[in-house]
Protein backbone atom coordinates (compact mmCIF):
# COMPACT_ATOMS: atom_id res chain seq x y z
CA MET A 1 235.21 40.88 -38.92
CA PRO A 2 233.95 39.09 -35.77
CA ALA A 3 233.89 35.34 -36.08
CA ALA A 4 230.52 33.86 -36.94
CA PRO A 5 228.86 31.95 -34.10
CA PRO A 6 227.86 28.31 -34.44
CA ALA A 7 224.87 28.22 -36.78
CA PRO A 8 222.36 26.70 -34.30
CA ARG A 9 223.12 29.36 -31.68
CA HIS A 10 222.97 32.15 -34.27
CA ALA A 11 219.60 30.90 -35.53
CA ALA A 12 218.22 30.37 -32.01
CA VAL A 13 218.91 34.01 -31.08
CA GLU A 14 217.22 35.28 -34.24
CA VAL A 15 214.15 33.09 -33.71
CA LEU A 16 213.94 34.00 -30.03
CA LEU A 17 214.06 37.74 -30.64
CA THR A 18 211.85 37.62 -33.72
CA ASP A 19 209.17 35.96 -31.60
CA LEU A 20 209.66 38.48 -28.80
CA TYR A 21 209.41 41.57 -30.99
CA ALA A 22 206.88 40.08 -33.47
CA ALA A 23 209.04 41.34 -36.31
CA PRO A 24 212.13 40.04 -38.14
CA VAL A 25 215.39 40.34 -36.16
CA LYS A 26 218.77 39.56 -37.67
CA VAL A 27 222.15 39.02 -36.05
CA ASP A 28 224.46 41.42 -37.88
CA ALA A 29 227.61 40.73 -35.84
CA TRP A 30 228.70 38.33 -33.11
CA GLU A 31 231.68 39.28 -30.90
CA ARG A 32 232.76 36.52 -28.54
CA LEU A 33 233.93 37.97 -25.21
CA GLU A 34 236.69 35.49 -24.47
CA PRO A 35 237.20 33.40 -22.44
CA TRP A 36 233.58 33.39 -21.27
CA ALA A 37 230.56 31.81 -22.91
CA VAL A 38 229.32 35.30 -23.68
CA ALA A 39 228.98 37.38 -26.85
CA ARG A 40 228.08 40.96 -27.67
CA VAL A 41 225.60 40.67 -30.52
CA THR A 42 224.72 43.48 -32.93
CA LEU A 43 221.13 43.27 -34.12
CA GLY A 44 219.27 44.42 -37.18
CA GLY A 45 215.57 45.10 -37.05
CA ALA A 46 212.98 47.71 -36.15
CA ASN A 47 212.53 48.76 -32.50
CA VAL A 48 215.19 46.39 -31.16
CA PRO A 49 218.29 47.22 -29.10
CA ARG A 50 221.33 47.87 -31.27
CA THR A 51 223.38 45.44 -29.16
CA VAL A 52 222.58 42.77 -26.59
CA ILE A 53 224.60 40.30 -24.55
CA VAL A 54 224.02 36.61 -25.20
CA LYS A 55 225.18 34.03 -22.66
CA TRP A 56 225.01 30.29 -23.15
CA ALA A 57 225.47 27.28 -20.90
CA ARG A 58 228.84 25.57 -21.16
CA ALA A 59 228.39 22.57 -18.89
CA SER A 60 224.67 22.13 -18.21
CA PRO A 61 221.34 23.75 -19.11
CA ALA A 62 220.90 24.23 -15.35
CA GLU A 63 223.42 27.09 -15.58
CA SER A 64 221.06 29.08 -17.81
CA ARG A 65 218.10 28.23 -15.61
CA THR A 66 219.94 29.48 -12.52
CA GLU A 67 221.07 32.67 -14.26
CA LEU A 68 217.56 33.40 -15.50
CA THR A 69 216.04 32.70 -12.08
CA ALA A 70 218.45 34.97 -10.25
CA LEU A 71 218.23 37.90 -12.65
CA ARG A 72 214.43 37.85 -12.84
CA PHE A 73 214.18 37.40 -9.07
CA LEU A 74 216.41 40.41 -8.44
CA SER A 75 214.89 42.76 -10.99
CA GLY A 76 211.31 41.49 -11.14
CA ASP A 77 210.54 40.29 -7.61
CA LEU A 78 212.77 42.69 -5.69
CA GLY A 79 212.94 45.61 -8.11
CA LEU A 80 216.72 45.97 -7.79
CA ALA A 81 218.83 47.79 -10.36
CA LEU A 82 221.97 45.85 -9.48
CA THR A 83 222.04 43.46 -12.44
CA PRO A 84 221.45 43.41 -16.21
CA ARG A 85 217.86 43.15 -17.37
CA VAL A 86 216.84 39.89 -19.04
CA ILE A 87 215.41 40.47 -22.51
CA ALA A 88 214.62 36.88 -23.48
CA ALA A 89 215.66 33.30 -22.79
CA ASP A 90 215.52 29.89 -24.44
CA LEU A 91 216.36 27.33 -21.79
CA SER A 92 216.10 24.41 -24.19
CA ALA A 93 218.97 25.99 -26.14
CA GLY A 94 220.75 27.14 -22.98
CA LEU A 95 220.54 30.82 -24.01
CA VAL A 96 219.89 33.97 -22.00
CA VAL A 97 219.73 37.34 -23.79
CA MET A 98 220.44 40.38 -21.60
CA GLU A 99 220.78 44.11 -21.95
CA ASP A 100 224.22 45.33 -22.95
CA LEU A 101 225.67 47.27 -20.00
CA ALA A 102 228.36 49.02 -22.06
CA PRO A 103 230.12 51.40 -21.65
CA ARG A 104 230.51 49.99 -18.14
CA THR A 105 233.78 48.12 -17.67
CA ALA A 106 234.77 45.17 -15.49
CA LEU A 107 236.52 46.37 -12.33
CA ASP A 108 239.32 43.83 -12.61
CA HIS A 109 240.28 45.32 -16.00
CA LEU A 110 240.57 48.79 -14.46
CA LEU A 111 242.61 47.49 -11.52
CA ARG A 112 245.03 45.64 -13.78
CA ARG A 113 245.42 48.64 -16.04
CA ASP A 114 245.68 51.45 -13.50
CA GLY A 115 246.25 49.92 -10.06
CA ALA A 116 243.98 50.01 -7.03
CA ALA A 117 244.99 53.52 -5.95
CA ALA A 118 243.41 54.95 -9.11
CA HIS A 119 240.05 53.32 -8.42
CA VAL A 120 239.32 53.80 -4.74
CA ASP A 121 235.76 54.93 -5.47
CA ARG A 122 235.11 51.94 -7.70
CA LEU A 123 236.42 49.49 -5.14
CA ALA A 124 234.11 51.13 -2.61
CA ALA A 125 231.20 50.68 -5.03
CA PHE A 126 232.19 47.02 -5.39
CA ALA A 127 232.14 46.50 -1.61
CA ARG A 128 228.79 48.27 -1.25
CA ALA A 129 227.23 46.29 -4.10
CA ARG A 130 228.17 42.99 -2.46
CA GLY A 131 226.61 44.12 0.80
CA GLU A 132 223.53 45.53 -0.94
CA LEU A 133 222.89 42.25 -2.76
CA SER A 134 222.85 40.33 0.51
CA ALA A 135 220.83 42.96 2.39
CA ALA A 136 218.14 42.99 -0.29
CA THR A 137 217.80 39.21 -0.59
CA VAL A 138 217.79 38.17 3.08
CA GLY A 139 214.46 36.59 3.99
CA ARG A 140 213.44 36.09 0.36
CA ALA A 141 214.74 32.58 -0.24
CA ASP A 142 211.24 31.11 -0.59
CA THR A 143 210.45 33.54 -3.41
CA TYR A 144 213.72 32.72 -5.16
CA TYR A 145 213.26 28.96 -4.93
CA ALA A 146 209.62 29.16 -6.00
CA ARG A 147 210.73 30.95 -9.15
CA GLN A 148 213.51 28.42 -9.74
CA THR A 149 211.23 25.43 -9.11
CA ALA A 150 208.86 26.73 -11.78
CA LEU A 151 211.69 26.23 -14.28
CA GLY A 152 212.91 22.86 -13.04
CA PRO A 153 213.26 20.70 -9.93
CA ILE A 154 215.59 21.82 -7.15
CA ASP A 155 216.10 20.90 -3.50
CA PRO A 156 216.80 24.14 -1.58
CA ALA A 157 218.38 22.31 1.36
CA ALA A 158 220.72 20.42 -0.95
CA ASP A 159 221.50 23.58 -2.92
CA GLN A 160 222.62 25.31 0.26
CA GLY A 161 224.27 22.35 1.96
CA THR A 162 226.31 20.91 -0.91
CA ARG A 163 228.47 24.05 -1.00
CA PHE A 164 230.20 22.76 2.17
CA ALA A 165 229.41 19.05 2.23
CA ARG A 166 232.86 17.92 1.03
CA LEU A 167 234.93 20.65 2.61
CA ARG A 168 235.56 18.98 5.96
CA ASP A 169 236.92 15.71 4.54
CA GLU A 170 238.94 17.52 1.88
CA ALA A 171 240.41 19.84 4.50
CA TYR A 172 241.63 16.93 6.62
CA GLY A 173 243.09 15.17 3.60
CA HIS A 174 244.96 18.16 2.17
CA ALA A 175 246.30 19.25 5.56
CA ALA A 176 247.50 15.74 6.46
CA ALA A 177 249.21 15.31 3.08
CA LEU A 178 251.03 18.57 3.62
CA GLY A 179 252.22 17.58 7.08
CA THR A 180 250.07 19.99 9.08
CA PRO A 181 247.06 17.88 10.12
CA ILE A 182 243.98 19.57 11.55
CA THR A 183 243.50 17.92 14.93
CA GLY A 184 242.28 18.62 18.45
CA PRO A 185 240.91 22.11 19.12
CA ALA A 186 241.57 23.18 15.51
CA ALA A 187 239.37 20.33 14.29
CA ASN A 188 236.65 21.38 16.71
CA GLU A 189 236.84 24.95 15.43
CA LEU A 190 236.64 23.77 11.83
CA GLY A 191 233.44 21.94 12.74
CA ASP A 192 232.08 25.12 14.32
CA ALA A 193 233.05 27.19 11.26
CA LEU A 194 231.36 24.80 8.85
CA ALA A 195 228.26 24.66 11.06
CA GLU A 196 228.05 28.47 10.89
CA LEU A 197 228.36 28.49 7.12
CA THR A 198 225.91 25.62 6.61
CA ASP A 199 223.27 27.13 8.91
CA PRO A 200 223.71 30.92 8.57
CA GLY A 201 220.44 31.93 10.21
CA PRO A 202 219.82 35.66 9.59
CA PHE A 203 222.82 35.80 7.25
CA LEU A 204 221.19 33.54 4.63
CA ALA A 205 221.29 35.56 1.40
CA LEU A 206 221.68 35.23 -2.33
CA THR A 207 225.15 35.09 -3.85
CA ASN A 208 226.12 34.92 -7.50
CA GLY A 209 228.65 32.26 -6.51
CA ASP A 210 231.70 34.21 -7.66
CA ALA A 211 232.11 37.48 -5.77
CA GLU A 212 235.20 38.75 -7.56
CA THR A 213 236.10 42.01 -9.29
CA ASN A 214 235.63 40.58 -12.78
CA ASN A 215 231.92 40.18 -12.04
CA ILE A 216 231.06 43.82 -11.48
CA LEU A 217 230.73 46.38 -14.28
CA LEU A 218 230.93 50.13 -13.63
CA ASN A 219 231.65 53.39 -15.37
CA GLU A 220 235.27 54.52 -15.64
CA SER A 221 234.36 58.13 -14.82
CA GLY A 222 231.45 59.90 -13.20
CA PRO A 223 228.88 57.94 -11.16
CA THR A 224 229.96 54.32 -10.85
CA ASP A 225 226.44 52.97 -11.53
CA ALA A 226 227.59 49.45 -10.67
CA ARG A 227 226.02 46.25 -11.96
CA LEU A 228 226.73 42.70 -10.79
CA ILE A 229 226.96 39.95 -13.41
CA ASP A 230 227.50 36.19 -13.79
CA PHE A 231 224.75 34.42 -11.84
CA GLU A 232 225.01 30.97 -13.41
CA HIS A 233 226.09 29.50 -10.05
CA ALA A 234 223.81 31.63 -7.89
CA GLY A 235 222.15 30.35 -4.76
CA TYR A 236 221.40 31.07 -1.15
CA THR A 237 224.26 30.74 1.32
CA HIS A 238 225.99 32.63 4.14
CA ALA A 239 226.16 36.32 3.20
CA LEU A 240 229.70 36.74 4.53
CA ILE A 241 231.05 34.38 1.90
CA ASP A 242 230.64 37.34 -0.44
CA ALA A 243 232.91 39.44 1.80
CA VAL A 244 235.87 37.05 1.57
CA CYS A 245 237.07 38.68 -1.67
CA LEU A 246 237.72 41.92 0.24
CA TYR A 247 240.06 40.20 2.72
CA VAL A 248 241.63 37.21 0.99
CA PRO A 249 242.96 37.13 -2.59
CA GLY A 250 240.93 35.25 -5.15
CA PRO A 251 242.52 33.45 -8.09
CA ALA A 252 243.44 36.68 -9.92
CA TRP A 253 245.39 38.55 -7.24
CA MET A 254 248.58 38.18 -5.22
CA SER A 255 247.17 40.38 -2.47
CA VAL A 256 244.04 42.47 -1.87
CA GLY A 257 245.51 44.55 0.96
CA ASP A 258 243.85 45.59 4.21
CA PRO A 259 240.13 46.37 3.70
CA VAL A 260 239.90 47.90 7.17
CA ALA A 261 242.60 50.47 6.39
CA THR A 262 241.14 51.26 2.96
CA GLY A 263 237.59 51.53 4.27
CA LEU A 264 236.22 48.72 2.09
CA ALA A 265 235.31 46.69 5.16
CA ASP A 266 233.09 49.49 6.46
CA HIS A 267 231.46 50.09 3.06
CA TYR A 268 230.49 46.43 2.87
CA ARG A 269 229.38 46.03 6.48
CA ARG A 270 227.21 49.16 6.53
CA ALA A 271 225.45 48.09 3.33
CA LEU A 272 224.86 44.59 4.70
CA ALA A 273 223.57 45.85 8.06
CA ARG A 274 220.72 47.70 6.34
CA GLY A 275 219.12 44.33 5.70
CA VAL A 276 220.89 42.20 8.33
CA PRO A 277 220.96 44.03 11.69
CA GLU A 278 222.97 41.14 13.16
CA ALA A 279 225.93 42.39 11.08
CA GLU A 280 226.35 45.12 13.73
CA ASP A 281 227.11 42.47 16.37
CA ASP A 282 230.94 42.38 16.40
CA ARG A 283 231.19 38.89 17.83
CA ARG A 284 228.68 37.29 15.47
CA TYR A 285 229.91 39.18 12.43
CA GLY A 286 233.55 38.46 13.22
CA PHE A 287 232.99 34.75 13.70
CA GLY A 288 231.06 34.42 10.45
CA LEU A 289 233.67 36.38 8.51
CA ALA A 290 236.55 34.39 9.99
CA ALA A 291 234.75 31.12 9.19
CA ALA A 292 234.21 32.19 5.59
CA CYS A 293 237.82 33.35 5.10
CA ILE A 294 239.45 30.30 6.70
CA SER A 295 237.18 27.99 4.73
CA TRP A 296 238.16 29.71 1.48
CA ALA A 297 241.85 29.27 2.35
CA ILE A 298 241.24 25.56 2.93
CA VAL A 299 239.49 25.29 -0.44
CA ARG A 300 242.48 26.91 -2.12
CA LEU A 301 244.89 24.59 -0.30
CA GLN A 302 243.68 21.76 -2.53
CA ARG A 303 245.95 23.29 -5.20
CA PHE A 304 249.07 22.41 -3.19
CA ALA A 305 249.86 19.18 -5.08
CA LEU A 306 249.70 21.01 -8.42
CA LEU A 307 251.70 24.03 -7.26
CA ASP A 308 254.35 21.80 -5.73
CA THR A 309 255.24 20.56 -9.24
CA ARG A 310 255.73 24.05 -10.65
CA SER A 311 259.02 25.84 -11.15
CA PRO A 312 260.57 27.98 -8.43
CA GLY A 313 259.34 31.54 -8.76
CA ASP A 314 255.90 30.60 -10.04
CA PRO A 315 253.61 33.31 -8.63
CA SER A 316 250.90 30.82 -7.71
CA ARG A 317 253.06 29.60 -4.84
CA PRO A 318 253.39 32.86 -2.87
CA GLN A 319 249.77 33.59 -3.72
CA LEU A 320 248.67 30.46 -1.84
CA ILE A 321 250.84 31.51 1.11
CA GLU A 322 249.18 34.93 1.19
CA THR A 323 245.76 33.29 0.96
CA LEU A 324 246.45 31.39 4.18
CA GLU A 325 248.03 34.37 5.91
CA ALA A 326 245.32 36.83 4.89
CA ALA A 327 242.65 34.48 6.22
CA ALA A 328 244.61 34.15 9.46
CA ARG A 329 244.96 37.95 9.79
CA THR A 330 241.22 38.38 9.34
CA ALA A 331 240.41 35.81 12.03
CA GLU A 332 242.96 37.40 14.39
CA THR A 333 241.48 40.86 13.83
CA HIS A 334 238.07 39.54 14.84
CA ARG A 335 239.43 37.35 17.67
CA ALA A 336 237.85 34.23 16.25
CA LEU A 337 238.95 30.64 15.63
CA PRO A 338 242.37 30.96 17.34
CA HIS A 339 243.42 27.33 16.93
CA LEU A 340 242.41 27.15 13.27
CA THR A 341 244.23 30.45 12.77
CA SER A 342 247.39 28.98 14.27
CA TRP A 343 247.05 26.01 11.92
CA ALA A 344 246.78 28.37 8.92
CA ARG A 345 249.92 30.24 9.99
CA ARG A 346 251.87 27.01 10.56
CA THR A 347 250.85 25.78 7.13
CA ALA A 348 251.89 29.07 5.52
CA ASP A 349 255.24 28.93 7.33
CA LEU A 350 255.81 25.38 6.09
CA LEU A 351 255.18 26.48 2.51
CA ARG A 352 257.52 29.46 2.92
CA ARG A 353 260.30 27.06 3.88
CA ARG A 354 259.40 24.47 1.28
CA TRP A 355 259.20 26.71 -1.78
CA SER A 356 262.07 28.75 -3.12
CA GLY A 357 260.87 32.32 -3.58
CA GLY A 358 257.92 31.79 -1.28
CA ASP A 359 259.35 33.74 1.65
CA GLN A 360 258.08 37.19 0.67
CA GLU A 361 256.33 39.96 2.57
CA PHE A 362 252.74 40.79 1.68
CA THR A 363 252.09 43.51 4.25
CA GLY A 364 253.95 46.59 5.44
CA ARG A 365 255.93 49.25 3.62
CA GLN A 366 258.47 46.84 2.14
CA THR A 367 256.00 44.65 0.31
CA ALA A 368 256.27 44.23 -3.45
CA PHE A 369 252.57 43.41 -3.58
CA PRO A 370 250.32 46.45 -3.10
CA PRO A 371 246.56 45.78 -3.04
CA TYR A 372 245.23 44.05 -6.15
CA THR A 373 248.56 43.12 -7.62
CA PRO A 374 247.77 40.66 -10.44
CA ARG A 375 248.99 37.11 -9.87
CA GLY A 376 250.47 36.92 -13.35
C-alpha cells in the first residue's frame, strides 16, 4: 500500500478539491514520486479525475506561486498545450494540483533504459519543445509578471538579473583557486558574455529554470505529445540558456554528444526562430549560445573542491572535464569567445593531469561515452 501522506497535506487536498467540485472528494491513495515533492493521488468522488498530480513547496511558498503563475500563463494567457493543466491550488498550503499526464514518461528514464539511439524522435521532440517554449513566450514578459504580481510581490529586473549577479565573482574565485585565473582578454570576454545573458534583448523568454530531460514527459510509442514540467523556478531570461542542455552535459550525463550531427541543434533553432527571427543570425545566435554554454561550465566548476576530495575513478570528475570541453567545442563551432574558450580548454587539461582516470575521450569513435551516457 502507498504510504499515507502527512495528515495536513492529505486534508488540504481533500478540502481544496471538495470546494472546487462542490461535492465530497476523498484521497484514496497517495503515491510519492521520489525524490521529488510530488505525488500521484487517486481520488474518490463523483465527476472528478481518477488521478491527479499534487506538488508541494519544499523550501518556500514562492515555489508554488511561481509554478502556478507559469502554468496558468502558458495555458491560460498563451493557450499552449506544452504543460500540464492546473486543476486547483492552495498557495497558503504550498500546494498545486495538476492533471496527471500518464502514461507519458520522463525522457531521462527512457534514455537510461534504452540509450539515446532508441529515442531519436523523442530527443528531437525535446529539442523542439524547448525552442517552442521560448518562441511562444518572447515579448510576453509583462503579462507573465502581471500575473505573478497578482499573487505576491516580485521585482522583474531582480528576477532576471540575480540569475547572473554572482557568477562573475564566483568564476574568478574558482578559476584562481584551481590555478587557471581568468585574466586579460578572457576576463573581457566573460564580461561580454554575462552582459549578453543579463540583457538578452529579443531573446528574453520564459524558462522553467531546469531544461533537462527529466523535465519533459512524452509517450513511449506513437506521437510523442510532449509536455514540459517543473516550473517552480521559472522566470524570464536569455532563451539560449535552455539550449545548453543539448550541447553540454547536465548533472545526469557524462556526455550529450554532438547536437549538430544528430540534428537536435536544427530542431531547436528552427522552433526558436518562429518566434525569435534573430535566431537566424549566425553571429548573434552563436555568441549567445557560446555565452550560455561557457557560463554553465563556470557554474559547474564550483564543484571542483568537492570532486577533488573524491576517490580516483569517481565519474563526477571526467564529467566536469567534459562539461568544460563541450562548452569549448560549442564556442569554437560558432567562432565566439576565443580567449574564454582557450581558458576552458586549459582548465580541462589541468584537470585531466590532476585526476587519475580523468584523461578519457568523449568524442570520436573510440569514446566509451556515447550520447546521454548516465553519470552513474
